[in-house]
Amino acid sequence: MYLEIVSPEATLFAGEVTAVTVPGVNGEFQMLENHAPIVSLLQEGKVKVKGDIKIDEAFQNKFSKGNDGETVLSITSGTVEMKNNKVIVLAD
């Protein structure tokens, strides 16, 4: 599936991934390929991305490595939309 992580400053990441875990307001949840369409508010927490991910050098300082080799981005709030195997995370 395709993931875009967009902040007010720039698109931090855009590319193919295998899984995305986000901090929803009602708890953390994960999206895999062919997940049902969803729109949700996000709270402070970590966006965890699995897959062979290449982060642009200008934004590498915003990401860290988590458990199991996942790539992690800390956010304070945001929204997520998943539709037709495309995930868009609008993050602060």
PDB file of N, CA and C in Angstrom:
ATOM      1  N   MET A   1       0.841  -1.181   0.000  1.00  0.00           N
ATOM      2  CA  MET A   1       0.000   0.000   0.000  1.00  0.00           C
ATOM      3  C   MET A   1       0.883   1.240   0.000  1.00  0.00           C
ATOM      4  N   TYR A   2       0.305   2.346  -0.366  1.00  0.00           N
ATOM      5  CA  TYR A   2       1.052   3.596  -0.510  1.00  0.00           C
ATOM      6  C   TYR A   2       0.767   4.492   0.689  1.00  0.00           C
ATOM      7  N   LEU A   3       1.818   5.077   1.257  1.00  0.00           N
ATOM      8  CA  LEU A   3       1.691   5.947   2.419  1.00  0.00           C
ATOM      9  C   LEU A   3       2.278   7.314   2.126  1.00  0.00           C
ATOM     10  N   GLU A   4       1.553   8.349   2.536  1.00  0.00           N
ATOM     11  CA  GLU A   4       2.071   9.722   2.549  1.00  0.00           C
ATOM     12  C   GLU A   4       1.959  10.247   3.966  1.00  0.00           C
ATOM     13  N   ILE A   5       3.057  10.802   4.487  1.00  0.00           N
ATOM     14  CA  ILE A   5       3.037  11.483   5.775  1.00  0.00           C
ATOM     15  C   ILE A   5       3.327  12.949   5.490  1.00  0.00           C
ATOM     16  N   VAL A   6       2.347  13.793   5.785  1.00  0.00           N
ATOM     17  CA  VAL A   6       2.427  15.210   5.450  1.00  0.00           C
ATOM     18  C   VAL A   6       2.371  16.033   6.740  1.00  0.00           C
ATOM     19  N   SER A   7       3.321  16.967   6.874  1.00  0.00           N
ATOM     20  CA  SER A   7       3.316  17.901   8.004  1.00  0.00           C
ATOM     21  C   SER A   7       3.025  19.289   7.448  1.00  0.00           C
ATOM     22  N   PRO A   8       2.818  20.276   8.304  1.00  0.00           N
ATOM     23  CA  PRO A   8       2.602  21.632   7.786  1.00  0.00           C
ATOM     24  C   PRO A   8       3.778  22.156   6.961  1.00  0.00           C
ATOM     25  N   GLU A   9       4.984  21.647   7.230  1.00  0.00           N
ATOM     26  CA  GLU A   9       6.175  22.123   6.530  1.00  0.00           C
ATOM     27  C   GLU A   9       6.413  21.444   5.185  1.00  0.00           C
ATOM     28  N   ALA A  10       6.125  20.128   5.112  1.00  0.00           N
ATOM     29  CA  ALA A  10       6.505  19.376   3.908  1.00  0.00           C
ATOM     30  C   ALA A  10       5.919  17.971   3.941  1.00  0.00           C
ATOM     31  N   THR A  11       6.043  17.262   2.831  1.00  0.00           N
ATOM     32  CA  THR A  11       5.743  15.838   2.789  1.00  0.00           C
ATOM     33  C   THR A  11       6.973  15.113   3.324  1.00  0.00           C
ATOM     34  N   LEU A  12       6.828  14.501   4.500  1.00  0.00           N
ATOM     35  CA  LEU A  12       7.963  13.867   5.170  1.00  0.00           C
ATOM     36  C   LEU A  12       8.311  12.519   4.564  1.00  0.00           C
ATOM     37  N   PHE A  13       7.293  11.811   4.056  1.00  0.00           N
ATOM     38  CA  PHE A  13       7.532  10.502   3.436  1.00  0.00           C
ATOM     39  C   PHE A  13       6.421  10.211   2.445  1.00  0.00           C
ATOM     40  N   ALA A  14       6.775   9.583   1.352  1.00  0.00           N
ATOM     41  CA  ALA A  14       5.803   9.081   0.375  1.00  0.00           C
ATOM     42  C   ALA A  14       6.399   7.832  -0.259  1.00  0.00           C
ATOM     43  N   GLY A  15       5.700   6.704  -0.145  1.00  0.00           N
ATOM     44  CA  GLY A  15       6.205   5.484  -0.740  1.00  0.00           C
ATOM     45  C   GLY A  15       5.419   4.261  -0.308  1.00  0.00           C
ATOM     46  N   GLU A  16       5.836   3.110  -0.829  1.00  0.00           N
ATOM     47  CA  GLU A  16       5.178   1.839  -0.533  1.00  0.00           C
ATOM     48  C   GLU A  16       5.600   1.324   0.839  1.00  0.00           C
ATOM     49  N   VAL A  17       4.635   0.801   1.604  1.00  0.00           N
ATOM     50  CA  VAL A  17       4.884   0.228   2.926  1.00  0.00           C
ATOM     51  C   VAL A  17       4.059  -1.048   3.067  1.00  0.00           C
ATOM     52  N   THR A  18       4.352  -1.833   4.120  1.00  0.00           N
ATOM     53  CA  THR A  18       3.579  -3.056   4.352  1.00  0.00           C
ATOM     54  C   THR A  18       2.551  -2.896   5.477  1.00  0.00           C
ATOM     55  N   ALA A  19       2.806  -1.961   6.424  1.00  0.00           N
ATOM     56  CA  ALA A  19       1.874  -1.742   7.529  1.00  0.00           C
ATOM     57  C   ALA A  19       2.104  -0.356   8.125  1.00  0.00           C
ATOM     58  N   VAL A  20       1.030   0.228   8.664  1.00  0.00           N
ATOM     59  CA  VAL A  20       1.099   1.523   9.351  1.00  0.00           C
ATOM     60  C   VAL A  20       0.287   1.408  10.638  1.00  0.00           C
ATOM     61  N   THR A  21       0.900   1.812  11.750  1.00  0.00           N
ATOM     62  CA  THR A  21       0.209   1.839  13.037  1.00  0.00           C
ATOM     63  C   THR A  21       0.154   3.295  13.492  1.00  0.00           C
ATOM     64  N   VAL A  22      -1.041   3.743  13.893  1.00  0.00           N
ATOM     65  CA  VAL A  22      -1.233   5.148  14.260  1.00  0.00           C
ATOM     66  C   VAL A  22      -1.896   5.262  15.633  1.00  0.00           C
ATOM     67  N   PRO A  23      -1.675   6.398  16.334  1.00  0.00           N
ATOM     68  CA  PRO A  23      -2.289   6.605  17.650  1.00  0.00           C
ATOM     69  C   PRO A  23      -3.666   7.259  17.549  1.00  0.00           C
ATOM     70  N   GLY A  24      -4.679   6.478  17.292  1.00  0.00           N
ATOM     71  CA  GLY A  24      -6.036   7.007  17.189  1.00  0.00           C
ATOM     72  C   GLY A  24      -6.532   7.532  18.525  1.00  0.00           C
ATOM     73  N   VAL A  25      -7.536   8.393  18.502  1.00  0.00           N
ATOM     74  CA  VAL A  25      -8.050   8.971  19.748  1.00  0.00           C
ATOM     75  C   VAL A  25      -8.702   7.911  20.637  1.00  0.00           C
ATOM     76  N   ASN A  26      -9.131   6.792  20.057  1.00  0.00           N
ATOM     77  CA  ASN A  26      -9.714   5.695  20.842  1.00  0.00           C
ATOM     78  C   ASN A  26      -8.744   4.539  21.005  1.00  0.00           C
ATOM     79  N   GLY A  27      -7.461   4.794  20.750  1.00  0.00           N
ATOM     80  CA  GLY A  27      -6.457   3.744  20.887  1.00  0.00           C
ATOM     81  C   GLY A  27      -5.673   3.538  19.605  1.00  0.00           C
ATOM     82  N   GLU A  28      -4.531   2.904  19.765  1.00  0.00           N
ATOM     83  CA  GLU A  28      -3.652   2.643  18.627  1.00  0.00           C
ATOM     84  C   GLU A  28      -4.290   1.589  17.712  1.00  0.00           C
ATOM     85  N   PHE A  29      -4.151   1.773  16.393  1.00  0.00           N
ATOM     86  CA  PHE A  29      -4.630   0.752  15.459  1.00  0.00           C
ATOM     87  C   PHE A  29      -3.709   0.662  14.259  1.00  0.00           C
ATOM     88  N   GLN A  30      -3.746  -0.498  13.625  1.00  0.00           N
ATOM     89  CA  GLN A  30      -2.859  -0.790  12.494  1.00  0.00           C
ATOM     90  C   GLN A  30      -3.672  -0.975  11.232  1.00  0.00           C
ATOM     91  N   MET A  31      -3.099  -0.528  10.109  1.00  0.00           N
ATOM     92  CA  MET A  31      -3.707  -0.717   8.808  1.00  0.00           C
ATOM     93  C   MET A  31      -2.760  -1.535   7.941  1.00  0.00           C
ATOM     94  N   LEU A  32      -3.311  -2.548   7.302  1.00  0.00           N
ATOM     95  CA  LEU A  32      -2.576  -3.380   6.362  1.00  0.00           C
ATOM     96  C   LEU A  32      -3.197  -3.202   4.979  1.00  0.00           C
ATOM     97  N   GLU A  33      -2.594  -3.819   3.988  1.00  0.00           N
ATOM     98  CA  GLU A  33      -3.127  -3.730   2.623  1.00  0.00           C
ATOM     99  C   GLU A  33      -4.581  -4.206   2.600  1.00  0.00           C
ATOM    100  N   ASN A  34      -5.401  -3.522   1.803  1.00  0.00           N
ATOM    101  CA  ASN A  34      -6.828  -3.813   1.623  1.00  0.00           C
ATOM    102  C   ASN A  34      -7.668  -3.571   2.875  1.00  0.00           C
ATOM    103  N   HIS A  35      -7.194  -2.705   3.770  1.00  0.00           N
ATOM    104  CA  HIS A  35      -7.966  -2.310   4.948  1.00  0.00           C
ATOM    105  C   HIS A  35      -9.217  -1.571   4.480  1.00  0.00           C
ATOM    106  N   ALA A  36     -10.273  -1.688   5.238  1.00  0.00           N
ATOM    107  CA  ALA A  36     -11.505  -0.965   4.919  1.00  0.00           C
ATOM    108  C   ALA A  36     -11.242   0.546   4.961  1.00  0.00           C
ATOM    109  N   PRO A  37     -11.968   1.314   4.145  1.00  0.00           N
ATOM    110  CA  PRO A  37     -11.781   2.775   4.179  1.00  0.00           C
ATOM    111  C   PRO A  37     -12.044   3.319   5.585  1.00  0.00           C
ATOM    112  N   ILE A  38     -11.229   4.290   5.990  1.00  0.00           N
ATOM    113  CA  ILE A  38     -11.356   4.862   7.334  1.00  0.00           C
ATOM    114  C   ILE A  38     -10.818   6.283   7.335  1.00  0.00           C
ATOM    115  N   VAL A  39     -11.439   7.121   8.165  1.00  0.00           N
ATOM    116  CA  VAL A  39     -10.925   8.455   8.480  1.00  0.00           C
ATOM    117  C   VAL A  39     -10.955   8.546   9.994  1.00  0.00           C
ATOM    118  N   SER A  40      -9.850   8.983  10.606  1.00  0.00           N
ATOM    119  CA  SER A  40      -9.787   9.044  12.056  1.00  0.00           C
ATOM    120  C   SER A  40      -8.920  10.202  12.523  1.00  0.00           C
ATOM    121  N   LEU A  41      -9.257  10.729  13.700  1.00  0.00           N
ATOM    122  CA  LEU A  41      -8.409  11.726  14.351  1.00  0.00           C
ATOM    123  C   LEU A  41      -7.284  11.005  15.079  1.00  0.00           C
ATOM    124  N   LEU A  42      -6.121  11.650  15.138  1.00  0.00           N
ATOM    125  CA  LEU A  42      -4.974  11.088  15.826  1.00  0.00           C
ATOM    126  C   LEU A  42      -4.630  11.946  17.034  1.00  0.00           C
ATOM    127  N   GLN A  43      -4.118  11.289  18.070  1.00  0.00           N
ATOM    128  CA  GLN A  43      -3.667  11.998  19.262  1.00  0.00           C
ATOM    129  C   GLN A  43      -2.149  11.890  19.363  1.00  0.00           C
ATOM    130  N   GLU A  44      -1.608  12.483  20.402  1.00  0.00           N
ATOM    131  CA  GLU A  44      -0.159  12.426  20.592  1.00  0.00           C
ATOM    132  C   GLU A  44       0.298  10.981  20.715  1.00  0.00           C
ATOM    133  N   GLY A  45       1.357  10.663  19.994  1.00  0.00           N
ATOM    134  CA  GLY A  45       1.869   9.298  20.024  1.00  0.00           C
ATOM    135  C   GLY A  45       2.848   9.062  18.889  1.00  0.00           C
ATOM    136  N   LYS A  46       2.933   7.804  18.468  1.00  0.00           N
ATOM    137  CA  LYS A  46       3.909   7.425  17.450  1.00  0.00           C
ATOM    138  C   LYS A  46       3.229   6.794  16.244  1.00  0.00           C
ATOM    139  N   VAL A  47       3.615   7.258  15.060  1.00  0.00           N
ATOM    140  CA  VAL A  47       3.228   6.610  13.807  1.00  0.00           C
ATOM    141  C   VAL A  47       4.331   5.611  13.509  1.00  0.00           C
ATOM    142  N   LYS A  48       3.968   4.327  13.402  1.00  0.00           N
ATOM    143  CA  LYS A  48       4.947   3.266  13.183  1.00  0.00           C
ATOM    144  C   LYS A  48       4.727   2.682  11.795  1.00  0.00           C
ATOM    145  N   VAL A  49       5.800   2.639  11.014  1.00  0.00           N
ATOM    146  CA  VAL A  49       5.709   2.213   9.619  1.00  0.00           C
ATOM    147  C   VAL A  49       6.611   1.008   9.401  1.00  0.00           C
ATOM    148  N   LYS A  50       6.064  -0.022   8.759  1.00  0.00           N
ATOM    149  CA  LYS A  50       6.855  -1.213   8.431  1.00  0.00           C
ATOM    150  C   LYS A  50       7.013  -1.310   6.923  1.00  0.00           C
ATOM    151  N   GLY A  51       8.175  -1.754   6.511  1.00  0.00           N
ATOM    152  CA  GLY A  51       8.472  -1.904   5.095  1.00  0.00           C
ATOM    153  C   GLY A  51       9.887  -1.437   4.815  1.00  0.00           C
ATOM    154  N   ASP A  52      10.283  -1.530   3.569  1.00  0.00           N
ATOM    155  CA  ASP A  52      11.610  -1.074   3.146  1.00  0.00           C
ATOM    156  C   ASP A  52      11.513   0.415   2.859  1.00  0.00           C
ATOM    157  N   ILE A  53      11.791   1.237   3.878  1.00  0.00           N
ATOM    158  CA  ILE A  53      11.502   2.667   3.823  1.00  0.00           C
ATOM    159  C   ILE A  53      12.776   3.477   3.649  1.00  0.00           C
ATOM    160  N   LYS A  54      12.712   4.412   2.715  1.00  0.00           N
ATOM    161  CA  LYS A  54      13.833   5.317   2.489  1.00  0.00           C
ATOM    162  C   LYS A  54      13.341   6.740   2.770  1.00  0.00           C
ATOM    163  N   ILE A  55      13.876   7.348   3.832  1.00  0.00           N
ATOM    164  CA  ILE A  55      13.494   8.693   4.250  1.00  0.00           C
ATOM    165  C   ILE A  55      14.443   9.688   3.597  1.00  0.00           C
ATOM    166  N   ASP A  56      13.889  10.762   3.050  1.00  0.00           N
ATOM    167  CA  ASP A  56      14.707  11.836   2.485  1.00  0.00           C
ATOM    168  C   ASP A  56      15.664  12.351   3.562  1.00  0.00           C
ATOM    169  N   GLU A  57      16.891  12.602   3.174  1.00  0.00           N
ATOM    170  CA  GLU A  57      17.935  13.024   4.115  1.00  0.00           C
ATOM    171  C   GLU A  57      17.525  14.252   4.929  1.00  0.00           C
ATOM    172  N   ALA A  58      16.772  15.162   4.317  1.00  0.00           N
ATOM    173  CA  ALA A  58      16.364  16.393   5.004  1.00  0.00           C
ATOM    174  C   ALA A  58      15.430  16.124   6.180  1.00  0.00           C
ATOM    175  N   PHE A  59      14.755  14.955   6.209  1.00  0.00           N
ATOM    176  CA  PHE A  59      13.768  14.659   7.249  1.00  0.00           C
ATOM    177  C   PHE A  59      14.166  13.499   8.150  1.00  0.00           C
ATOM    178  N   GLN A  60      15.353  12.929   7.962  1.00  0.00           N
ATOM    179  CA  GLN A  60      15.757  11.764   8.747  1.00  0.00           C
ATOM    180  C   GLN A  60      15.789  12.043  10.250  1.00  0.00           C
ATOM    181  N   ASN A  61      16.055  13.305  10.642  1.00  0.00           N
ATOM    182  CA  ASN A  61      16.113  13.637  12.070  1.00  0.00           C
ATOM    183  C   ASN A  61      14.744  13.573  12.741  1.00  0.00           C
ATOM    184  N   LYS A  62      13.657  13.555  11.984  1.00  0.00           N
ATOM    185  CA  LYS A  62      12.310  13.483  12.553  1.00  0.00           C
ATOM    186  C   LYS A  62      11.890  12.042  12.847  1.00  0.00           C
ATOM    187  N   PHE A  63      12.585  11.069  12.247  1.00  0.00           N
ATOM    188  CA  PHE A  63      12.230   9.657  12.373  1.00  0.00           C
ATOM    189  C   PHE A  63      13.250   8.930  13.235  1.00  0.00           C
ATOM    190  N   SER A  64      12.813   7.820  13.837  1.00  0.00           N
ATOM    191  CA  SER A  64      13.714   6.953  14.588  1.00  0.00           C
ATOM    192  C   SER A  64      13.380   5.506  14.240  1.00  0.00           C
ATOM    193  N   LYS A  65      14.229   4.594  14.679  1.00  0.00           N
ATOM    194  CA  LYS A  65      13.978   3.163  14.474  1.00  0.00           C
ATOM    195  C   LYS A  65      13.344   2.596  15.724  1.00  0.00           C
ATOM    196  N   GLY A  66      12.289   1.832  15.539  1.00  0.00           N
ATOM    197  CA  GLY A  66      11.602   1.208  16.664  1.00  0.00           C
ATOM    198  C   GLY A  66      11.893  -0.278  16.729  1.00  0.00           C
ATOM    199  N   ASN A  67      11.070  -0.973  17.472  1.00  0.00           N
ATOM    200  CA  ASN A  67      11.194  -2.424  17.582  1.00  0.00           C
ATOM    201  C   ASN A  67      10.889  -3.089  16.248  1.00  0.00           C
ATOM    202  N   ASP A  68      11.482  -4.227  16.027  1.00  0.00           N
ATOM    203  CA  ASP A  68      11.228  -5.010  14.802  1.00  0.00           C
ATOM    204  C   ASP A  68      11.580  -4.256  13.527  1.00  0.00           C
ATOM    205  N   GLY A  69      12.498  -3.266  13.618  1.00  0.00           N
ATOM    206  CA  GLY A  69      12.946  -2.562  12.421  1.00  0.00           C
ATOM    207  C   GLY A  69      11.962  -1.567  11.848  1.00  0.00           C
ATOM    208  N   GLU A  70      10.904  -1.255  12.579  1.00  0.00           N
ATOM    209  CA  GLU A  70       9.931  -0.284  12.074  1.00  0.00           C
ATOM    210  C   GLU A  70      10.501   1.127  12.155  1.00  0.00           C
ATOM    211  N   THR A  71       9.971   2.001  11.323  1.00  0.00           N
ATOM    212  CA  THR A  71      10.355   3.409  11.323  1.00  0.00           C
ATOM    213  C   THR A  71       9.293   4.176  12.096  1.00  0.00           C
ATOM    214  N   VAL A  72       9.710   5.062  13.004  1.00  0.00           N
ATOM    215  CA  VAL A  72       8.782   5.704  13.945  1.00  0.00           C
ATOM    216  C   VAL A  72       8.862   7.223  13.809  1.00  0.00           C
ATOM    217  N   LEU A  73       7.686   7.860  13.781  1.00  0.00           N
ATOM    218  CA  LEU A  73       7.569   9.316  13.783  1.00  0.00           C
ATOM    219  C   LEU A  73       6.676   9.718  14.948  1.00  0.00           C
ATOM    220  N   SER A  74       7.183  10.561  15.854  1.00  0.00           N
ATOM    221  CA  SER A  74       6.370  11.069  16.963  1.00  0.00           C
ATOM    222  C   SER A  74       5.539  12.250  16.476  1.00  0.00           C
ATOM    223  N   ILE A  75       4.248  12.253  16.860  1.00  0.00           N
ATOM    224  CA  ILE A  75       3.344  13.338  16.471  1.00  0.00           C
ATOM    225  C   ILE A  75       2.625  13.860  17.704  1.00  0.00           C
ATOM    226  N   THR A  76       2.084  15.071  17.595  1.00  0.00           N
ATOM    227  CA  THR A  76       1.277  15.616  18.692  1.00  0.00           C
ATOM    228  C   THR A  76      -0.217  15.505  18.398  1.00  0.00           C
ATOM    229  N   SER A  77      -0.586  15.495  17.110  1.00  0.00           N
ATOM    230  CA  SER A  77      -1.984  15.322  16.709  1.00  0.00           C
ATOM    231  C   SER A  77      -2.016  15.137  15.200  1.00  0.00           C
ATOM    232  N   GLY A  78      -3.210  14.876  14.671  1.00  0.00           N
ATOM    233  CA  GLY A  78      -3.326  14.755  13.223  1.00  0.00           C
ATOM    234  C   GLY A  78      -4.586  14.024  12.813  1.00  0.00           C
ATOM    235  N   THR A  79      -4.633  13.664  11.539  1.00  0.00           N
ATOM    236  CA  THR A  79      -5.719  12.863  10.989  1.00  0.00           C
ATOM    237  C   THR A  79      -5.120  11.823  10.056  1.00  0.00           C
ATOM    238  N   VAL A  80      -5.863  10.743   9.845  1.00  0.00           N
ATOM    239  CA  VAL A  80      -5.440   9.710   8.911  1.00  0.00           C
ATOM    240  C   VAL A  80      -6.634   9.333   8.038  1.00  0.00           C
ATOM    241  N   GLU A  81      -6.364   9.080   6.778  1.00  0.00           N
ATOM    242  CA  GLU A  81      -7.378   8.574   5.853  1.00  0.00           C
ATOM    243  C   GLU A  81      -6.792   7.400   5.105  1.00  0.00           C
ATOM    244  N   MET A  82      -7.555   6.313   5.011  1.00  0.00           N
ATOM    245  CA  MET A  82      -7.160   5.159   4.196  1.00  0.00           C
ATOM    246  C   MET A  82      -8.287   4.875   3.223  1.00  0.00           C
ATOM    247  N   LYS A  83      -7.924   4.783   1.950  1.00  0.00           N
ATOM    248  CA  LYS A  83      -8.909   4.498   0.916  1.00  0.00           C
ATOM    249  C   LYS A  83      -8.165   3.937  -0.289  1.00  0.00           C
ATOM    250  N   ASN A  84      -8.643   2.836  -0.830  1.00  0.00           N
ATOM    251  CA  ASN A  84      -8.056   2.213  -2.026  1.00  0.00           C
ATOM    252  C   ASN A  84      -6.550   1.970  -1.880  1.00  0.00           C
ATOM    253  N   ASN A  85      -6.144   1.412  -0.734  1.00  0.00           N
ATOM    254  CA  ASN A  85      -4.739   1.088  -0.452  1.00  0.00           C
ATOM    255  C   ASN A  85      -3.812   2.302  -0.465  1.00  0.00           C
ATOM    256  N   LYS A  86      -4.359   3.476  -0.190  1.00  0.00           N
ATOM    257  CA  LYS A  86      -3.542   4.680  -0.027  1.00  0.00           C
ATOM    258  C   LYS A  86      -3.861   5.275   1.338  1.00  0.00           C
ATOM    259  N   VAL A  87      -2.796   5.476   2.129  1.00  0.00           N
ATOM    260  CA  VAL A  87      -2.929   6.053   3.467  1.00  0.00           C
ATOM    261  C   VAL A  87      -2.314   7.441   3.445  1.00  0.00           C
ATOM    262  N   ILE A  88      -3.061   8.417   3.943  1.00  0.00           N
ATOM    263  CA  ILE A  88      -2.538   9.782   4.085  1.00  0.00           C
ATOM    264  C   ILE A  88      -2.602  10.144   5.557  1.00  0.00           C
ATOM    265  N   VAL A  89      -1.446  10.470   6.135  1.00  0.00           N
ATOM    266  CA  VAL A  89      -1.358  10.933   7.516  1.00  0.00           C
ATOM    267  C   VAL A  89      -1.026  12.415   7.480  1.00  0.00           C
ATOM    268  N   LEU A  90      -1.921  13.246   8.019  1.00  0.00           N
ATOM    269  CA  LEU A  90      -1.666  14.672   8.178  1.00  0.00           C
ATOM    270  C   LEU A  90      -1.253  14.854   9.630  1.00  0.00           C
ATOM    271  N   ALA A  91       0.004  15.176   9.868  1.00  0.00           N
ATOM    272  CA  ALA A  91       0.544  15.147  11.225  1.00  0.00           C
ATOM    273  C   ALA A  91       1.121  16.485  11.655  1.00  0.00           C
ATOM    274  N   ASP A  92       0.939  16.785  12.938  1.00  0.00           N
ATOM    275  CA  ASP A  92       1.588  17.943  13.588  1.00  0.00           C
ATOM    276  C   ASP A  92       2.670  17.420  14.499  1.00  0.00           C
TER     277      ASP A  92
END
